[in-house]
Protein backbone atom coordinates (compact mmCIF):
# COMPACT_ATOMS: atom_id res chain seq x y z
CA GLY A 1 0.00 0.00 0.00
CA ALA A 2 2.78 2.45 0.83
CA LEU A 3 4.44 2.01 -2.58
CA LEU A 4 1.16 2.60 -4.42
CA ASP A 5 0.49 5.71 -2.31
CA MET A 6 3.95 7.07 -3.05
CA LEU A 7 3.57 6.38 -6.78
CA THR A 8 0.23 8.15 -7.03
CA ASP A 9 1.66 11.12 -5.13
CA ARG A 10 4.45 11.36 -7.71
CA CYS A 11 2.15 11.06 -10.76
CA ALA A 12 0.30 14.39 -10.48
CA PRO A 13 3.39 16.63 -10.43
CA ALA A 14 5.10 14.49 -13.07
CA ALA A 15 2.09 14.74 -15.39
CA LEU A 16 1.91 18.51 -14.90
CA LEU A 17 5.63 18.87 -15.60
CA ILE A 18 5.34 16.81 -18.79
CA VAL A 19 2.42 18.99 -19.95
CA ILE A 20 4.55 22.07 -19.24
CA ALA A 21 7.38 20.50 -21.26
CA GLY A 22 4.99 20.00 -24.17
CA LEU A 23 3.64 23.55 -24.03
CA ALA A 24 7.02 25.23 -23.58
CA PRO A 25 9.80 23.27 -25.30
CA ARG A 26 12.42 25.66 -23.90
CA LEU A 27 11.42 24.49 -20.39
CA ALA A 28 11.31 20.81 -21.38
CA PRO A 29 14.79 19.82 -20.09
CA VAL A 30 14.16 21.44 -16.70
CA ALA A 31 10.61 20.05 -16.41
CA VAL A 32 11.61 16.51 -17.36
CA CYS A 33 14.61 16.57 -15.01
CA ALA A 34 12.43 17.82 -12.15
CA ALA A 35 9.87 15.05 -12.80
CA PHE A 36 12.63 12.42 -12.95
CA LEU A 37 14.39 13.73 -9.83
CA ASP A 38 11.15 13.69 -7.84
CA GLY A 39 10.29 10.12 -8.80
CA TYR A 40 13.84 8.79 -8.49
CA SER A 41 14.56 10.38 -5.12
CA HIS A 42 11.36 9.00 -3.64
CA TRP A 43 11.93 5.55 -5.16
CA LEU A 44 15.44 5.45 -3.69
CA GLN A 45 14.12 6.60 -0.33
CA PHE A 46 11.53 3.82 -0.45
CA ALA A 47 14.21 1.26 -1.36
CA ALA A 48 16.38 2.52 1.51
CA GLY A 49 13.43 2.01 3.84
CA LEU A 50 13.08 -1.58 2.67
CA CYS A 51 16.80 -2.23 3.11
CA ALA A 52 16.79 -0.71 6.59
CA LYS A 53 13.51 -2.46 7.46
CA SER A 54 12.11 0.86 8.66
CA LYS A 55 8.40 1.37 9.14
CA SER A 56 8.28 4.29 6.70
CA HIS A 57 10.39 5.52 3.81
CA LYS A 58 10.36 8.87 5.59
CA THR A 59 12.64 7.51 8.33
CA ALA A 60 14.90 5.44 6.08
CA SER A 61 17.71 7.98 5.69
CA PRO A 62 18.89 9.61 8.91
CA GLY A 63 19.74 13.27 8.99
CA ARG A 64 18.47 16.55 10.34
CA LEU A 65 17.55 17.98 6.92
CA LEU A 66 15.29 15.07 5.97
CA GLU A 67 13.94 14.90 9.51
CA LEU A 68 12.92 18.57 9.25
CA TYR A 69 11.60 18.09 5.71
CA TYR A 70 9.37 15.15 6.73
CA TRP A 71 7.98 17.02 9.75
CA ARG A 72 4.32 17.19 8.68
CA PRO A 73 3.80 21.01 8.77
CA MET A 74 7.04 21.58 6.86
CA LEU A 75 6.25 18.82 4.35
CA MET A 76 2.80 20.27 3.67
CA PHE A 77 4.19 23.80 3.29
CA VAL A 78 6.99 22.80 0.92
CA CYS A 79 4.88 20.43 -1.19
CA THR A 80 2.00 22.90 -1.48
CA LEU A 81 4.21 25.77 -2.62
CA ASN A 82 6.07 23.42 -4.97
CA GLU A 83 2.78 22.39 -6.60
CA PHE A 84 1.61 26.03 -6.77
CA CYS A 85 4.84 26.91 -8.56
CA PHE A 86 4.21 24.21 -11.17
CA LEU A 87 0.58 25.34 -11.56
CA ALA A 88 1.69 28.95 -11.98
CA ILE A 89 4.21 27.96 -14.65
CA TYR A 90 1.46 26.01 -16.40
CA MET A 91 -0.83 29.06 -16.31
CA ILE A 92 1.94 31.24 -17.73
CA VAL A 93 2.91 28.92 -20.59
CA SER A 94 -0.68 28.01 -21.48
CA GLY A 95 -1.79 31.63 -21.69
CA SER A 96 -4.55 31.22 -19.11
CA PRO A 97 -6.40 34.44 -18.29
CA GLY A 98 -5.56 35.83 -14.90
CA ASN A 99 -4.57 39.48 -15.05
CA ILE A 100 -5.31 41.25 -11.81
CA LEU A 101 -5.79 44.89 -10.92
CA LEU A 102 -2.92 46.21 -8.87
CA PRO A 103 -1.92 49.59 -7.46
CA ARG A 104 -0.12 51.79 -9.98
CA ARG A 105 3.25 51.24 -8.32
CA LEU A 106 3.27 47.54 -9.26
CA PRO A 107 3.55 46.27 -12.82
CA ALA A 108 0.42 44.63 -14.22
CA LEU A 109 1.46 41.01 -14.42
CA HIS A 110 -0.45 37.81 -14.73
CA VAL A 111 -1.44 36.55 -11.26
CA ALA A 112 0.57 33.41 -12.01
CA HIS A 113 3.76 35.49 -12.23
CA TYR A 114 3.26 36.65 -8.64
CA VAL A 115 2.49 33.13 -7.47
CA CYS A 116 5.62 31.89 -9.25
CA ILE A 117 7.78 34.65 -7.71
CA VAL A 118 6.58 33.67 -4.22
CA CYS A 119 6.75 29.90 -4.72
CA ALA A 120 9.87 29.50 -6.88
CA PRO A 121 12.40 29.73 -4.02
CA VAL A 122 10.59 26.94 -2.15
CA CYS A 123 10.44 24.92 -5.37
CA VAL A 124 14.22 25.25 -5.77
CA VAL A 125 14.72 24.18 -2.14
CA LYS A 126 12.46 21.15 -2.75
CA GLN A 127 14.62 20.12 -5.72
CA ALA A 128 17.77 20.52 -3.60
CA ILE A 129 16.20 18.37 -0.89
CA SER A 130 15.43 15.74 -3.53
CA VAL A 131 19.10 15.71 -4.59
CA HIS A 132 20.10 15.37 -0.94
CA GLN A 133 17.56 12.57 -0.59
CA VAL A 134 19.19 10.68 -3.50
CA PHE A 135 22.59 10.80 -1.80
CA ALA A 136 21.25 10.01 1.68
CA ALA A 137 19.15 7.09 0.45
CA SER A 138 22.03 5.75 -1.65
CA ALA A 139 24.30 5.86 1.40
CA ALA A 140 21.65 4.10 3.50
CA ILE A 141 21.28 1.36 0.87
CA CYS A 142 25.07 0.90 0.71
CA GLU A 143 25.28 0.77 4.49
CA ALA A 144 22.50 -1.82 4.68
CA GLY A 145 24.16 -3.87 1.94
CA SER A 146 27.48 -3.95 3.75
CA SER A 147 26.13 -4.92 7.17
CA PRO A 148 27.95 -7.87 8.79
CA LYS A 149 24.68 -9.84 9.17
CA LEU A 150 23.91 -9.56 5.45
CA ILE A 151 27.45 -10.49 4.45
CA ALA A 152 27.39 -13.51 6.77
CA LYS A 153 24.12 -14.72 5.21
CA GLU A 154 25.51 -14.43 1.68
CA ARG A 155 28.70 -16.39 2.36
CA PRO A 156 28.43 -20.09 1.67
CA ALA A 157 29.18 -22.36 4.58
CA LEU A 158 32.50 -24.18 4.25
């Protein structure tokens, strides 16, 4: 059940990123890499959880950064702003209506531009956390694979 839940959570942003890549070919490399990084980092984290026999993939790789990231309020904040950033980019590249009336001091931009300006830094941090997650999960898998108990089980008895 946990694997299916994780896969469905990864499908919505990946689909949106692929649509963005189709609408804006100049953004395609970034969008496809972001979709791949998201899926791959979570898959590795899940595999690390299996190797470590942890109850959740969220506790598979130790470390303060991932511990803070998986703290529920932080996770909801980061994931929500990350998704809003992708939705704003979609609105910009698809030409969706959304101009708003602003005071004269501010330039008249599409509402999605303002959403993107606010959410983009969090989106970048989320991608950096995903890269960190790849390295942390890879290290956890290597550590689990080199444990003395596992090595003893794999050696044939003489």
